[in-house]
Amino acid sequence: MDHVEISDDVIRLGQFLKLANLADSGAHARELVADGEVSVNGEVDTRRGRQLQKGDVVVVDSPTGRASATVA
């Protein structure tokens, strides 16, 4: 699992997916979230604008495999 540093106290889920290289683009991030393929701290979240804080764990389950990152 990668630890991805953020510069502020919070970051939106869609932005974090791109920053952590879990999504190729904003459109890809939107698609992953809308399809229910993203979970935050073990719970599926379909809100691309969800505010993540340091310590949150994001997991993407897609047809190409599973990837995860921690907000640091």
N, C-alpha and C. Protein backbone atom coordinates (compact mmCIF):
# COMPACT_ATOMS: atom_id res chain seq x y z
N MET A 1 0.86 -1.18 0.00
CA MET A 1 0.00 0.00 0.00
C MET A 1 0.89 1.23 0.00
N ASP A 2 0.56 2.16 -0.88
CA ASP A 2 1.32 3.40 -0.97
C ASP A 2 0.80 4.42 0.04
N HIS A 3 1.70 5.24 0.57
CA HIS A 3 1.33 6.37 1.41
C HIS A 3 1.53 7.61 0.56
N VAL A 4 0.45 8.35 0.33
CA VAL A 4 0.49 9.51 -0.56
C VAL A 4 0.33 10.78 0.27
N GLU A 5 1.36 11.61 0.23
CA GLU A 5 1.37 12.87 0.98
C GLU A 5 0.44 13.88 0.33
N ILE A 6 -0.31 14.59 1.18
CA ILE A 6 -1.14 15.70 0.70
C ILE A 6 -0.64 16.98 1.36
N SER A 7 -0.83 18.10 0.70
CA SER A 7 -0.30 19.36 1.22
C SER A 7 -1.24 20.05 2.20
N ASP A 8 -2.53 19.76 2.12
CA ASP A 8 -3.51 20.36 3.03
C ASP A 8 -3.97 19.32 4.05
N ASP A 9 -4.92 19.72 4.89
CA ASP A 9 -5.45 18.78 5.89
C ASP A 9 -6.44 17.80 5.28
N VAL A 10 -7.11 18.20 4.19
CA VAL A 10 -8.11 17.34 3.54
C VAL A 10 -7.92 17.38 2.03
N ILE A 11 -8.47 16.37 1.36
CA ILE A 11 -8.46 16.30 -0.10
C ILE A 11 -9.72 15.57 -0.53
N ARG A 12 -10.26 15.94 -1.67
CA ARG A 12 -11.46 15.27 -2.17
C ARG A 12 -11.08 13.92 -2.77
N LEU A 13 -12.01 12.98 -2.66
CA LEU A 13 -11.77 11.62 -3.13
C LEU A 13 -11.34 11.59 -4.59
N GLY A 14 -12.03 12.30 -5.46
CA GLY A 14 -11.69 12.31 -6.89
C GLY A 14 -10.27 12.82 -7.13
N GLN A 15 -9.88 13.86 -6.41
CA GLN A 15 -8.54 14.41 -6.54
C GLN A 15 -7.49 13.41 -6.04
N PHE A 16 -7.81 12.75 -4.93
CA PHE A 16 -6.86 11.79 -4.36
C PHE A 16 -6.65 10.60 -5.29
N LEU A 17 -7.71 10.14 -5.94
CA LEU A 17 -7.57 9.02 -6.86
C LEU A 17 -6.56 9.34 -7.96
N LYS A 18 -6.60 10.57 -8.45
CA LYS A 18 -5.64 10.98 -9.48
C LYS A 18 -4.24 11.14 -8.90
N LEU A 19 -4.14 11.80 -7.75
CA LEU A 19 -2.84 12.04 -7.10
C LEU A 19 -2.13 10.73 -6.78
N ALA A 20 -2.88 9.74 -6.34
CA ALA A 20 -2.30 8.44 -5.96
C ALA A 20 -2.13 7.50 -7.15
N ASN A 21 -2.43 7.99 -8.34
CA ASN A 21 -2.35 7.18 -9.56
C ASN A 21 -3.27 5.96 -9.52
N LEU A 22 -4.39 6.10 -8.83
CA LEU A 22 -5.41 5.05 -8.80
C LEU A 22 -6.40 5.25 -9.94
N ALA A 23 -6.38 6.44 -10.54
CA ALA A 23 -7.23 6.77 -11.70
C ALA A 23 -6.36 7.54 -12.69
N ASP A 24 -6.60 7.31 -13.97
CA ASP A 24 -5.81 7.96 -15.02
C ASP A 24 -6.19 9.42 -15.24
N SER A 25 -7.45 9.76 -14.94
CA SER A 25 -7.94 11.12 -15.19
C SER A 25 -9.13 11.39 -14.28
N GLY A 26 -9.61 12.61 -14.34
CA GLY A 26 -10.81 12.96 -13.57
C GLY A 26 -12.01 12.17 -14.03
N ALA A 27 -12.12 11.96 -15.34
CA ALA A 27 -13.24 11.18 -15.88
C ALA A 27 -13.16 9.73 -15.42
N HIS A 28 -11.95 9.19 -15.38
CA HIS A 28 -11.77 7.81 -14.91
C HIS A 28 -12.12 7.71 -13.43
N ALA A 29 -11.71 8.70 -12.63
CA ALA A 29 -12.03 8.72 -11.20
C ALA A 29 -13.54 8.76 -11.01
N ARG A 30 -14.22 9.60 -11.78
CA ARG A 30 -15.69 9.72 -11.70
C ARG A 30 -16.34 8.36 -11.99
N GLU A 31 -15.84 7.69 -13.02
CA GLU A 31 -16.38 6.40 -13.42
C GLU A 31 -16.17 5.34 -12.34
N LEU A 32 -14.98 5.29 -11.76
CA LEU A 32 -14.69 4.32 -10.70
C LEU A 32 -15.62 4.51 -9.50
N VAL A 33 -15.78 5.77 -9.10
CA VAL A 33 -16.62 6.09 -7.94
C VAL A 33 -18.08 5.77 -8.25
N ALA A 34 -18.57 6.18 -9.41
CA ALA A 34 -19.97 5.94 -9.78
C ALA A 34 -20.29 4.46 -9.89
N ASP A 35 -19.31 3.66 -10.30
CA ASP A 35 -19.52 2.22 -10.45
C ASP A 35 -19.39 1.46 -9.14
N GLY A 36 -19.11 2.17 -8.03
CA GLY A 36 -19.01 1.53 -6.73
C GLY A 36 -17.74 0.71 -6.56
N GLU A 37 -16.69 1.08 -7.28
CA GLU A 37 -15.43 0.34 -7.22
C GLU A 37 -14.44 0.94 -6.24
N VAL A 38 -14.84 1.99 -5.52
CA VAL A 38 -13.94 2.66 -4.59
C VAL A 38 -14.48 2.53 -3.17
N SER A 39 -13.61 2.13 -2.25
CA SER A 39 -14.01 2.09 -0.84
C SER A 39 -13.04 2.94 -0.03
N VAL A 40 -13.57 3.56 1.00
CA VAL A 40 -12.79 4.38 1.91
C VAL A 40 -12.95 3.79 3.30
N ASN A 41 -11.85 3.41 3.90
CA ASN A 41 -11.85 2.80 5.23
C ASN A 41 -12.80 1.60 5.30
N GLY A 42 -12.82 0.80 4.22
CA GLY A 42 -13.59 -0.43 4.20
C GLY A 42 -15.04 -0.30 3.76
N GLU A 43 -15.50 0.91 3.46
CA GLU A 43 -16.89 1.11 3.05
C GLU A 43 -16.95 1.73 1.66
N VAL A 44 -17.77 1.16 0.78
CA VAL A 44 -17.93 1.71 -0.57
C VAL A 44 -18.48 3.12 -0.47
N ASP A 45 -17.88 4.03 -1.24
CA ASP A 45 -18.33 5.42 -1.23
C ASP A 45 -18.53 5.87 -2.67
N THR A 46 -19.69 6.43 -2.97
CA THR A 46 -20.00 6.88 -4.32
C THR A 46 -20.02 8.41 -4.42
N ARG A 47 -19.38 9.07 -3.46
CA ARG A 47 -19.30 10.54 -3.47
C ARG A 47 -17.89 10.97 -3.85
N ARG A 48 -17.74 11.42 -5.08
CA ARG A 48 -16.42 11.85 -5.57
C ARG A 48 -15.88 13.03 -4.77
N GLY A 49 -16.77 13.83 -4.19
CA GLY A 49 -16.37 15.00 -3.43
C GLY A 49 -16.13 14.74 -1.96
N ARG A 50 -16.18 13.48 -1.55
CA ARG A 50 -15.96 13.16 -0.13
C ARG A 50 -14.60 13.70 0.33
N GLN A 51 -14.60 14.29 1.49
CA GLN A 51 -13.37 14.85 2.05
C GLN A 51 -12.59 13.75 2.76
N LEU A 52 -11.36 13.53 2.33
CA LEU A 52 -10.48 12.55 2.97
C LEU A 52 -9.52 13.27 3.89
N GLN A 53 -9.18 12.59 4.98
CA GLN A 53 -8.22 13.15 5.93
C GLN A 53 -7.03 12.21 6.03
N LYS A 54 -5.97 12.70 6.59
CA LYS A 54 -4.77 11.87 6.76
C LYS A 54 -5.13 10.62 7.56
N GLY A 55 -4.64 9.48 7.09
CA GLY A 55 -4.93 8.20 7.74
C GLY A 55 -6.01 7.40 7.04
N ASP A 56 -6.82 8.05 6.17
CA ASP A 56 -7.86 7.33 5.44
C ASP A 56 -7.22 6.38 4.43
N VAL A 57 -7.83 5.20 4.28
CA VAL A 57 -7.35 4.19 3.35
C VAL A 57 -8.34 4.08 2.20
N VAL A 58 -7.84 4.24 0.97
CA VAL A 58 -8.67 4.18 -0.24
C VAL A 58 -8.28 2.94 -1.03
N VAL A 59 -9.29 2.12 -1.37
CA VAL A 59 -9.06 0.90 -2.15
C VAL A 59 -9.92 0.95 -3.40
N VAL A 60 -9.31 0.62 -4.54
CA VAL A 60 -10.03 0.56 -5.81
C VAL A 60 -10.04 -0.89 -6.27
N ASP A 61 -11.24 -1.46 -6.43
CA ASP A 61 -11.42 -2.80 -6.97
C ASP A 61 -11.95 -2.64 -8.38
N SER A 62 -11.10 -2.85 -9.36
CA SER A 62 -11.52 -2.73 -10.75
C SER A 62 -11.24 -4.03 -11.48
N PRO A 63 -11.77 -4.16 -12.68
CA PRO A 63 -11.52 -5.39 -13.45
C PRO A 63 -10.03 -5.66 -13.69
N THR A 64 -9.21 -4.62 -13.64
CA THR A 64 -7.77 -4.80 -13.86
C THR A 64 -7.03 -5.17 -12.59
N GLY A 65 -7.72 -5.19 -11.45
CA GLY A 65 -7.08 -5.57 -10.19
C GLY A 65 -7.42 -4.63 -9.06
N ARG A 66 -6.79 -4.89 -7.93
CA ARG A 66 -7.03 -4.11 -6.72
C ARG A 66 -5.81 -3.25 -6.43
N ALA A 67 -6.05 -1.98 -6.10
CA ALA A 67 -4.98 -1.06 -5.75
C ALA A 67 -5.43 -0.26 -4.54
N SER A 68 -4.47 0.16 -3.72
CA SER A 68 -4.84 0.93 -2.53
C SER A 68 -3.78 1.97 -2.21
N ALA A 69 -4.20 2.96 -1.44
CA ALA A 69 -3.30 4.02 -1.00
C ALA A 69 -3.84 4.61 0.29
N THR A 70 -2.92 5.11 1.12
CA THR A 70 -3.28 5.76 2.37
C THR A 70 -2.97 7.24 2.25
N VAL A 71 -3.89 8.07 2.75
CA VAL A 71 -3.67 9.52 2.77
C VAL A 71 -2.67 9.81 3.88
N ALA A 72 -1.57 10.46 3.52
CA ALA A 72 -0.53 10.76 4.51
C ALA A 72 -0.26 12.25 4.57
